[in-house]
Amino acid sequence: MSYVPHTDADRRAMLAAIGVRSIDELFADVPQSVRLPQVTLPAPLSEVEVMRELREMSEANADLDHMACFLGAGAYHHYVPSVVQHVLNRSEFYTAYTPYQPEISQGTLQTIFEYQSMICGLTGMDVSNASHYDGATAMAEAVIMALSVTRGKRRKAIVAPSIHPEYRQVVRTYTQGMNVEIVGDQDLEAGLDALAGFLDEETACAIVQVPDFFGRLESPKALAALADAAHKVGALFVVVADPISLGLLKPPSTYGADIVVGEGQPLGIPVSFGGPYLGFFACREEYVRRMAGRLVGETVDGQGRRGYVLTLATREQHIRRERATSNICSNEALCALAAGVYLAAVGKRGLRQVAELCYHKAHYAADAIAQVPGFEVRRREPFFQEFVVRCPLRVAEVNDMLLDWDIIGGYDLGEAYPHLDDHMLLCVTEMNTRQEIDDLVAALRAIGEGGVE
């Protein structure tokens, strides 16, 4: 039974109020030919038939359950333990909103506290918030935080060109109209020394990515030298980190980072067509009151029992807009919960094992591809799980051919770096089997020889 809220008398009264006599007159400006188009619908189907048809349609998708994926560039295909989805599906978590009332939100507050604690353990920093939309917005918030720490007296941010191009664009979007200068040597081969050359008394922060967008790793010694140079001029040192790599690499705190941000999607969050994702943000304790977002703390109640509260909430929803550290920031609570469950499930040893698998499988793939005629692996620097391959054809053509092998190829670097229009960024994670890597190598060999098997 349909529910029509307005009676005929109601409609006549509304039409009279606006000075028209009928519905047709109300829509007189809409051509008659498009007012009531004839819709030819197929015959009705049963639920079983509809589900069968939808399932057949879904099988046309090139999903990661049916194809080998070597595409990274910011979104990564990692294994998600089943316990992650099990916890997320609990109604007390997926229906919860901001835990304003601690007396009825202890479970949600504790999960946030545990997430923050694990992010601090991962990055080596003192405090973590919970959280931001994604890695790009977390990096933009780091720039705004650096401007706030320097009390607006410094208006320059140094951003390495080897940082994810979309992250750099988001920073520019966030800071437009703020009279902030975004600088950085555009030479991808210049290294950190060239970046240090931009430091001066006007610099609020210097930002690098480890591993960088191309998968390359800088030495902790070189990173520490840049951090020292930034600190000498009173600037903050910001690191964009891959959380999986931190299972194997030194935490950014050991080489002088003041703020560590990154994309938390690899921590138990599926690729999901690009979102929703998670931006993690951690910093030194002295900057905590300049940090955007919210922070949960542990305390005791009147009877001495452990409890959790919203210790810091510098969002515009909690305090006066003009006093908020950011009027854009929000959190991804369910994604933060997923990351917390993932980290708790895999543990320190498990995270290191995932990182080692990514590292060794990527190097196995790079060694094999380097032997394929026509393809050149650029590996002058150490790398983690991503590496650059120069192709004999346009990357778009190579990727189209790889689809015939049920392989999703790499990222076309020419889209962001025009001088690399024949270079592909390949990613290998623990999800790629040796057979899939061998199939990729065979496919590239066939493509290089001028055909596809």
Protein backbone atom coordinates (compact mmCIF):
# COMPACT_ATOMS: atom_id res chain seq x y z
CA MET A 1 0.00 0.00 0.00
CA SER A 2 1.44 3.37 -1.00
CA TYR A 3 1.42 6.31 1.36
CA VAL A 4 0.58 9.68 -0.23
CA PRO A 5 0.88 12.42 2.40
CA HIS A 6 -1.02 15.13 0.53
CA THR A 7 -4.75 15.12 -0.10
CA ASP A 8 -6.38 16.64 -3.19
CA ALA A 9 -7.35 19.63 -1.05
CA ASP A 10 -3.73 20.04 0.10
CA ARG A 11 -2.49 20.04 -3.49
CA ARG A 12 -5.12 22.60 -4.60
CA ALA A 13 -4.11 24.88 -1.73
CA MET A 14 -0.40 24.65 -2.60
CA LEU A 15 -1.03 25.30 -6.29
CA ALA A 16 -3.18 28.32 -5.43
CA ALA A 17 -0.47 29.67 -3.14
CA ILE A 18 2.05 29.78 -6.01
CA GLY A 19 -0.46 31.06 -8.53
CA VAL A 20 -0.99 28.08 -10.88
CA ARG A 21 -4.17 26.14 -11.57
CA SER A 22 -2.89 22.62 -12.18
CA ILE A 23 0.06 20.27 -11.98
CA ASP A 24 0.42 20.49 -15.77
CA GLU A 25 0.72 24.26 -15.54
CA LEU A 26 3.31 23.89 -12.75
CA PHE A 27 5.54 21.84 -15.07
CA ALA A 28 4.78 23.85 -18.21
CA ASP A 29 8.48 24.66 -18.71
CA VAL A 30 9.35 20.95 -18.95
CA PRO A 31 8.84 19.65 -22.53
CA GLN A 32 5.95 17.26 -22.82
CA SER A 33 8.18 14.66 -24.49
CA VAL A 34 10.26 14.16 -21.35
CA ARG A 35 7.64 14.57 -18.64
CA LEU A 36 6.39 11.01 -18.63
CA PRO A 37 8.82 8.97 -20.73
CA GLN A 38 7.79 5.48 -21.67
CA VAL A 39 9.86 2.99 -19.72
CA THR A 40 10.00 -0.48 -21.14
CA LEU A 41 10.60 -2.85 -18.28
CA PRO A 42 11.27 -6.55 -18.68
CA ALA A 43 8.89 -9.12 -17.31
CA PRO A 44 9.05 -9.57 -13.53
CA LEU A 45 11.51 -12.09 -12.10
CA SER A 46 11.59 -14.09 -8.92
CA GLU A 47 14.16 -13.33 -6.24
CA VAL A 48 16.15 -16.40 -7.24
CA GLU A 49 16.29 -15.26 -10.86
CA VAL A 50 17.28 -11.71 -9.91
CA MET A 51 20.10 -12.94 -7.67
CA ARG A 52 21.35 -15.24 -10.43
CA GLU A 53 21.40 -12.37 -12.93
CA LEU A 54 23.17 -10.01 -10.51
CA ARG A 55 25.74 -12.70 -9.74
CA GLU A 56 26.45 -13.17 -13.45
CA MET A 57 26.87 -9.44 -13.86
CA SER A 58 29.27 -9.25 -10.91
CA GLU A 59 31.44 -11.97 -12.43
CA ALA A 60 32.29 -9.54 -15.23
CA ASN A 61 34.25 -7.41 -12.74
CA ALA A 62 38.03 -7.72 -12.61
CA ASP A 63 38.12 -8.26 -8.86
CA LEU A 64 41.08 -9.25 -6.72
CA ASP A 65 39.59 -12.65 -5.89
CA HIS A 66 39.93 -13.70 -9.52
CA MET A 67 42.95 -11.75 -10.78
CA ALA A 68 46.53 -11.31 -9.67
CA CYS A 69 47.11 -7.69 -8.65
CA PHE A 70 50.41 -5.81 -8.92
CA LEU A 71 48.90 -2.35 -8.51
CA GLY A 72 49.81 -0.31 -5.45
CA ALA A 73 50.50 3.46 -5.56
CA GLY A 74 48.71 4.17 -2.30
CA ALA A 75 46.16 1.36 -2.01
CA TYR A 76 47.44 -2.14 -1.28
CA HIS A 77 46.10 -5.67 -1.48
CA HIS A 78 46.97 -7.23 1.87
CA TYR A 79 45.38 -10.13 3.67
CA VAL A 80 42.61 -9.17 6.10
CA PRO A 81 42.17 -11.72 8.93
CA SER A 82 38.55 -12.85 9.30
CA VAL A 83 38.46 -11.63 12.90
CA VAL A 84 38.62 -8.03 11.64
CA GLN A 85 35.28 -8.22 9.84
CA HIS A 86 33.78 -10.25 12.67
CA VAL A 87 34.50 -7.49 15.20
CA LEU A 88 33.41 -4.71 12.82
CA ASN A 89 30.06 -6.43 12.31
CA ARG A 90 29.20 -6.19 15.99
CA SER A 91 26.35 -3.71 16.28
CA GLU A 92 27.84 -1.87 19.26
CA PHE A 93 30.71 -0.81 16.99
CA TYR A 94 29.23 -0.24 13.56
CA THR A 95 26.29 1.80 14.90
CA ALA A 96 28.31 3.86 17.40
CA TYR A 97 28.94 7.57 16.89
CA THR A 98 31.19 9.99 18.77
CA PRO A 99 31.45 8.71 22.37
CA TYR A 100 30.38 11.91 24.08
CA GLN A 101 29.12 10.06 27.16
CA PRO A 102 31.96 7.95 28.61
CA GLU A 103 29.65 6.17 31.06
CA ILE A 104 27.94 4.37 28.17
CA SER A 105 30.84 4.35 25.66
CA GLN A 106 33.62 2.52 27.48
CA GLY A 107 33.92 -0.19 24.82
CA THR A 108 34.28 2.28 21.94
CA LEU A 109 36.63 4.51 23.94
CA GLN A 110 38.84 1.56 24.85
CA THR A 111 39.15 0.42 21.23
CA ILE A 112 40.20 3.94 20.25
CA PHE A 113 42.72 4.03 23.10
CA GLU A 114 44.16 0.67 22.03
CA TYR A 115 44.38 1.86 18.42
CA GLN A 116 46.23 5.01 19.49
CA SER A 117 48.61 2.97 21.64
CA MET A 118 49.47 0.63 18.77
CA ILE A 119 50.04 3.51 16.33
CA CYS A 120 52.42 5.06 18.88
CA GLY A 121 54.20 1.72 19.23
CA LEU A 122 54.45 1.40 15.46
CA THR A 123 55.77 4.90 14.79
CA GLY A 124 57.73 5.41 18.01
CA MET A 125 55.88 8.67 18.68
CA ASP A 126 54.39 9.85 21.98
CA VAL A 127 50.73 10.45 21.06
CA SER A 128 48.31 9.52 18.29
CA ASN A 129 44.89 10.85 17.40
CA ALA A 130 41.94 8.86 16.07
CA SER A 131 41.93 9.69 13.18
CA HIS A 132 41.66 11.32 9.68
CA TYR A 133 39.96 10.57 6.39
CA ASP A 134 43.06 9.12 4.71
CA GLY A 135 46.80 9.49 4.44
CA ALA A 136 46.58 12.55 2.21
CA THR A 137 44.43 14.54 4.62
CA ALA A 138 46.59 13.43 7.54
CA MET A 139 49.61 14.91 5.74
CA ALA A 140 47.73 18.13 5.06
CA GLU A 141 46.79 18.34 8.73
CA ALA A 142 50.48 17.90 9.58
CA VAL A 143 51.29 21.01 7.55
CA ILE A 144 48.56 22.97 9.32
CA MET A 145 49.82 21.70 12.67
CA ALA A 146 53.36 22.82 11.82
CA LEU A 147 52.06 26.28 10.94
CA SER A 148 50.22 26.36 14.27
CA VAL A 149 53.28 25.21 16.27
CA THR A 150 55.31 28.03 14.73
CA ARG A 151 52.39 30.36 15.54
CA GLY A 152 51.88 31.51 11.98
CA LYS A 153 55.27 33.20 11.76
CA ARG A 154 56.49 30.70 9.17
CA ARG A 155 54.64 30.31 5.89
CA LYS A 156 56.67 27.73 3.96
CA ALA A 157 56.35 23.95 3.75
CA ILE A 158 59.00 21.87 1.98
CA VAL A 159 57.46 18.84 0.31
CA ALA A 160 59.64 16.23 -1.39
CA PRO A 161 58.65 15.55 -5.03
CA SER A 162 58.88 11.82 -4.30
CA ILE A 163 55.81 12.03 -2.04
CA HIS A 164 52.58 10.62 -3.49
CA PRO A 165 51.40 13.23 -6.06
CA GLU A 166 47.83 13.14 -4.75
CA TYR A 167 49.06 13.81 -1.22
CA ARG A 168 50.92 16.87 -2.48
CA GLN A 169 47.81 18.07 -4.28
CA VAL A 170 45.67 17.69 -1.16
CA VAL A 171 48.18 19.82 0.77
CA ARG A 172 47.84 22.55 -1.84
CA THR A 173 44.05 22.31 -1.65
CA TYR A 174 44.03 22.51 2.14
CA THR A 175 46.35 25.50 2.29
CA GLN A 176 44.96 27.57 -0.57
CA GLY A 177 44.11 31.03 0.67
CA MET A 178 46.40 30.65 3.70
CA ASN A 179 49.38 32.40 2.10
CA VAL A 180 51.45 29.23 2.42
CA GLU A 181 54.32 28.54 0.05
CA ILE A 182 54.74 24.87 -0.96
CA VAL A 183 58.25 24.26 -2.27
CA GLY A 184 60.49 21.34 -3.18
CA ASP A 185 63.04 20.42 -5.84
CA GLN A 186 61.24 18.77 -8.74
CA ASP A 187 64.26 16.64 -9.61
CA LEU A 188 63.35 13.13 -8.43
CA GLU A 189 66.99 12.12 -8.41
CA ALA A 190 68.22 15.11 -6.38
CA GLY A 191 67.95 13.39 -3.00
CA LEU A 192 67.53 14.72 0.50
CA ASP A 193 70.54 17.05 0.31
CA ALA A 194 68.78 19.12 -2.33
CA LEU A 195 65.68 19.23 -0.16
CA ALA A 196 67.74 20.55 2.77
CA GLY A 197 68.80 23.44 0.56
CA PHE A 198 65.29 24.90 0.77
CA LEU A 199 65.36 25.16 4.58
CA ASP A 200 65.42 28.66 6.05
CA GLU A 201 63.91 30.73 8.86
CA GLU A 202 60.56 30.85 7.01
CA THR A 203 60.17 27.05 6.93
CA ALA A 204 57.44 25.52 9.09
CA CYS A 205 58.09 21.90 8.11
CA ALA A 206 59.91 19.55 5.78
CA ILE A 207 58.07 16.41 4.63
CA VAL A 208 59.40 13.16 3.20
CA GLN A 209 57.81 9.78 2.48
CA VAL A 210 59.39 6.48 3.62
CA PRO A 211 59.28 4.39 1.48
CA ASP A 212 58.65 7.11 -1.09
CA PHE A 213 56.02 6.94 -3.83
CA PHE A 214 58.41 4.92 -6.00
CA GLY A 215 59.06 2.38 -3.24
CA ARG A 216 62.59 3.65 -2.59
CA LEU A 217 64.19 3.69 0.85
CA GLU A 218 66.45 6.42 2.18
CA SER A 219 69.02 5.52 4.81
CA PRO A 220 68.16 6.40 8.42
CA LYS A 221 71.41 8.38 8.53
CA ALA A 222 70.36 10.60 5.61
CA LEU A 223 66.90 11.05 7.11
CA ALA A 224 68.38 11.98 10.48
CA ALA A 225 70.62 14.55 8.79
CA LEU A 226 67.60 16.19 7.14
CA ALA A 227 65.74 16.15 10.46
CA ASP A 228 68.69 17.84 12.17
CA ALA A 229 68.86 20.46 9.43
CA ALA A 230 65.14 21.17 9.81
CA HIS A 231 65.41 21.44 13.59
CA LYS A 232 68.35 23.86 13.33
CA VAL A 233 66.14 26.39 11.55
CA GLY A 234 63.20 25.74 13.90
CA ALA A 235 61.13 23.66 11.47
CA LEU A 236 59.35 20.38 12.12
CA PHE A 237 60.28 17.15 10.37
CA VAL A 238 57.27 15.21 9.03
CA VAL A 239 57.41 11.62 7.79
CA VAL A 240 54.73 9.91 5.67
CA ALA A 241 55.12 6.22 6.49
CA ASP A 242 53.81 2.92 5.18
CA PRO A 243 52.58 1.11 8.32
CA ILE A 244 53.39 -2.36 6.99
CA SER A 245 56.99 -1.33 6.30
CA LEU A 246 57.34 -0.33 9.96
CA GLY A 247 57.15 -4.01 10.82
CA LEU A 248 60.62 -4.26 9.28
CA LEU A 249 62.11 -0.75 9.21
CA LYS A 250 63.19 1.55 12.03
CA PRO A 251 60.36 3.74 13.37
CA PRO A 252 60.52 7.39 12.26
CA SER A 253 61.09 8.55 15.83
CA THR A 254 64.60 7.07 15.68
CA TYR A 255 65.70 9.47 12.95
CA GLY A 256 64.13 12.65 14.31
CA ALA A 257 60.53 12.77 13.13
CA ASP A 258 58.27 15.27 14.91
CA ILE A 259 55.08 14.14 13.17
CA VAL A 260 54.38 10.78 11.52
CA VAL A 261 51.36 10.33 9.26
CA GLY A 262 50.27 7.81 6.69
CA GLU A 263 47.59 5.70 5.08
CA GLY A 264 46.21 3.04 7.41
CA GLN A 265 44.42 1.09 4.67
CA PRO A 266 47.03 -1.72 4.66
CA LEU A 267 46.08 -2.45 8.27
CA GLY A 268 43.05 -4.67 7.80
CA ILE A 269 41.07 -2.47 5.39
CA PRO A 270 40.27 -3.86 1.91
CA VAL A 271 40.99 -1.88 -1.25
CA SER A 272 37.22 -1.25 -1.67
CA PHE A 273 37.34 0.81 -4.87
CA GLY A 274 39.35 3.53 -3.09
CA GLY A 275 37.66 3.95 0.28
CA PRO A 276 36.74 4.45 3.00
CA TYR A 277 40.30 4.58 4.26
CA LEU A 278 42.13 5.71 7.38
CA GLY A 279 44.65 8.47 7.99
CA PHE A 280 46.83 7.87 11.03
CA PHE A 281 48.55 10.78 12.77
CA ALA A 282 51.13 10.67 15.56
CA CYS A 283 53.43 13.31 17.02
CA ARG A 284 55.59 14.33 19.96
CA GLU A 285 53.74 14.98 23.20
CA GLU A 286 54.76 18.65 23.30
CA TYR A 287 52.59 19.30 20.23
CA VAL A 288 49.52 17.42 21.42
CA ARG A 289 47.38 20.52 21.96
CA ARG A 290 48.04 21.58 18.37
CA MET A 291 46.91 18.23 17.04
CA ALA A 292 43.69 18.00 15.04
CA GLY A 293 41.09 15.34 15.67
CA ARG A 294 40.42 13.66 18.99
CA LEU A 295 42.39 11.70 21.56
CA VAL A 296 41.16 9.18 24.11
CA GLY A 297 42.95 8.89 27.45
CA GLU A 298 42.99 6.38 30.27
CA THR A 299 41.97 7.45 33.76
CA VAL A 300 40.26 6.15 36.92
CA ASP A 301 36.77 6.82 38.22
CA GLY A 302 35.72 7.87 41.72
CA GLN A 303 36.13 4.30 42.93
CA GLY A 304 39.60 3.88 41.46
CA ARG A 305 38.48 1.71 38.53
CA ARG A 306 40.17 2.08 35.14
CA GLY A 307 38.17 3.99 32.57
CA TYR A 308 38.49 5.87 29.28
CA VAL A 309 37.47 9.41 28.33
CA LEU A 310 37.76 11.84 25.45
CA THR A 311 40.82 13.65 26.77
CA LEU A 312 41.29 16.01 23.85
CA ALA A 313 38.73 17.01 21.24
CA THR A 314 39.91 20.02 19.24
CA ARG A 315 37.36 19.59 16.48
CA GLU A 316 34.89 22.25 15.47
CA GLN A 317 32.05 19.96 16.58
CA HIS A 318 33.29 20.08 20.17
CA ILE A 319 34.57 23.63 20.67
CA ARG A 320 34.21 27.07 19.14
CA ARG A 321 34.97 27.01 15.45
CA GLU A 322 37.60 29.75 15.65
CA ARG A 323 39.48 27.81 18.35
CA ALA A 324 39.49 24.46 16.55
CA THR A 325 42.84 23.16 15.30
CA SER A 326 41.08 22.18 12.06
CA ASN A 327 37.63 22.88 10.70
CA ILE A 328 37.93 20.13 8.11
CA CYS A 329 39.25 17.16 10.06
CA SER A 330 37.08 14.23 10.95
CA ASN A 331 37.76 10.65 11.97
CA GLU A 332 37.25 7.22 10.47
CA ALA A 333 36.31 5.39 13.68
CA LEU A 334 35.27 2.08 12.13
CA CYS A 335 38.41 2.00 9.98
CA ALA A 336 40.52 2.81 13.03
CA LEU A 337 38.85 -0.09 14.81
CA ALA A 338 39.73 -2.34 11.85
CA ALA A 339 43.36 -1.23 12.06
CA GLY A 340 43.42 -1.86 15.79
CA VAL A 341 41.94 -5.34 15.43
CA TYR A 342 44.38 -6.14 12.61
CA LEU A 343 47.42 -5.05 14.63
CA ALA A 344 46.21 -6.96 17.69
CA ALA A 345 45.56 -10.07 15.60
CA VAL A 346 48.88 -10.22 13.75
CA GLY A 347 51.00 -8.90 16.62
CA LYS A 348 54.62 -7.76 16.39
CA ARG A 349 55.91 -11.00 14.90
CA GLY A 350 53.05 -11.27 12.44
CA LEU A 351 53.51 -7.70 11.19
CA ARG A 352 57.22 -8.32 10.71
CA GLN A 353 56.43 -11.52 8.81
CA VAL A 354 54.02 -9.66 6.50
CA ALA A 355 56.65 -6.98 5.88
CA GLU A 356 59.35 -9.58 5.17
CA LEU A 357 57.09 -11.42 2.73
CA CYS A 358 56.38 -8.18 0.88
CA TYR A 359 60.08 -7.31 0.75
CA HIS A 360 61.35 -10.69 -0.42
CA LYS A 361 58.57 -11.32 -2.94
CA ALA A 362 59.05 -7.85 -4.44
CA HIS A 363 62.79 -8.47 -4.83
CA TYR A 364 62.15 -11.87 -6.37
CA ALA A 365 59.84 -10.20 -8.89
CA ALA A 366 62.30 -7.39 -9.62
CA ASP A 367 65.15 -9.86 -10.21
CA ALA A 368 63.00 -11.90 -12.60
CA ILE A 369 61.64 -8.91 -14.55
CA ALA A 370 65.16 -7.51 -14.93
CA GLN A 371 65.94 -10.59 -17.08
CA VAL A 372 63.06 -9.91 -19.49
CA PRO A 373 64.26 -8.34 -22.77
CA GLY A 374 62.85 -4.85 -23.30
CA PHE A 375 62.03 -4.22 -19.64
CA GLU A 376 64.39 -2.41 -17.30
CA VAL A 377 64.06 -2.40 -13.52
CA ARG A 378 65.24 0.85 -11.94
CA ARG A 379 66.75 -0.21 -8.64
CA ARG A 380 69.73 1.97 -7.84
CA GLU A 381 68.28 2.55 -4.36
CA PRO A 382 66.97 -0.05 -1.89
CA PHE A 383 63.23 -0.58 -2.09
CA PHE A 384 60.49 -2.16 0.00
CA GLN A 385 57.54 -3.61 -1.95
CA GLU A 386 57.25 -1.29 -4.94
CA PHE A 387 59.70 -0.68 -7.77
CA VAL A 388 59.82 1.08 -11.13
CA VAL A 389 59.99 -0.75 -14.46
CA ARG A 390 60.68 0.93 -17.81
CA CYS A 391 58.51 -0.66 -20.52
CA PRO A 392 59.10 -1.00 -24.26
CA LEU A 393 55.50 0.12 -24.90
CA ARG A 394 53.17 2.64 -23.35
CA VAL A 395 52.15 1.47 -19.88
CA ALA A 396 48.45 1.63 -20.78
CA GLU A 397 49.08 -0.81 -23.63
CA VAL A 398 51.05 -3.17 -21.39
CA ASN A 399 48.30 -3.14 -18.78
CA ASP A 400 45.64 -3.85 -21.39
CA MET A 401 47.61 -6.89 -22.56
CA LEU A 402 48.15 -8.09 -18.99
CA LEU A 403 44.38 -8.25 -18.49
CA ASP A 404 44.34 -11.10 -21.03
CA TRP A 405 46.48 -12.99 -18.53
CA ASP A 406 44.10 -12.17 -15.66
CA ILE A 407 46.72 -9.80 -14.27
CA ILE A 408 46.15 -6.26 -13.04
CA GLY A 409 49.32 -4.38 -13.93
CA GLY A 410 51.08 -1.48 -12.27
CA TYR A 411 50.53 2.25 -12.00
CA ASP A 412 51.29 4.39 -15.05
CA LEU A 413 53.82 6.89 -13.71
CA GLY A 414 53.35 9.08 -16.78
CA GLU A 415 50.01 10.19 -15.36
CA ALA A 416 51.75 12.15 -12.59
CA TYR A 417 55.29 12.45 -13.98
CA PRO A 418 55.21 13.17 -17.76
CA HIS A 419 58.91 12.37 -18.21
CA LEU A 420 58.17 8.83 -16.97
CA ASP A 421 55.48 8.10 -19.55
CA ASP A 422 56.91 4.64 -20.31
CA HIS A 423 57.52 3.69 -16.68
CA MET A 424 55.33 1.44 -14.54
CA LEU A 425 55.21 1.26 -10.74
CA LEU A 426 54.75 -2.37 -9.72
CA CYS A 427 53.77 -3.53 -6.24
CA VAL A 428 54.17 -7.01 -4.72
CA THR A 429 52.60 -7.92 -1.38
CA GLU A 430 52.28 -11.09 0.67
CA MET A 431 49.12 -11.86 -1.33
CA ASN A 432 51.08 -12.47 -4.54
CA THR A 433 52.10 -16.11 -4.90
CA ARG A 434 55.26 -17.23 -6.63
CA GLN A 435 53.11 -18.61 -9.45
CA GLU A 436 51.46 -15.22 -9.96
CA ILE A 437 54.85 -13.52 -10.10
CA ASP A 438 56.11 -16.11 -12.60
CA ASP A 439 52.96 -15.57 -14.68
CA LEU A 440 53.60 -11.81 -14.67
CA VAL A 441 57.16 -12.37 -15.86
CA ALA A 442 55.95 -14.73 -18.60
CA ALA A 443 53.34 -12.22 -19.71
CA LEU A 444 55.87 -9.39 -19.87
CA ARG A 445 58.22 -11.62 -21.84
CA ALA A 446 55.46 -12.37 -24.34
CA ILE A 447 54.55 -8.68 -24.58
CA GLY A 448 58.20 -7.78 -25.15
CA GLU A 449 58.42 -10.33 -27.95
CA GLY A 450 55.40 -8.79 -29.63
CA GLY A 451 52.51 -11.01 -28.62
CA VAL A 452 50.38 -12.44 -25.88
CA GLU A 453 50.11 -16.16 -25.28
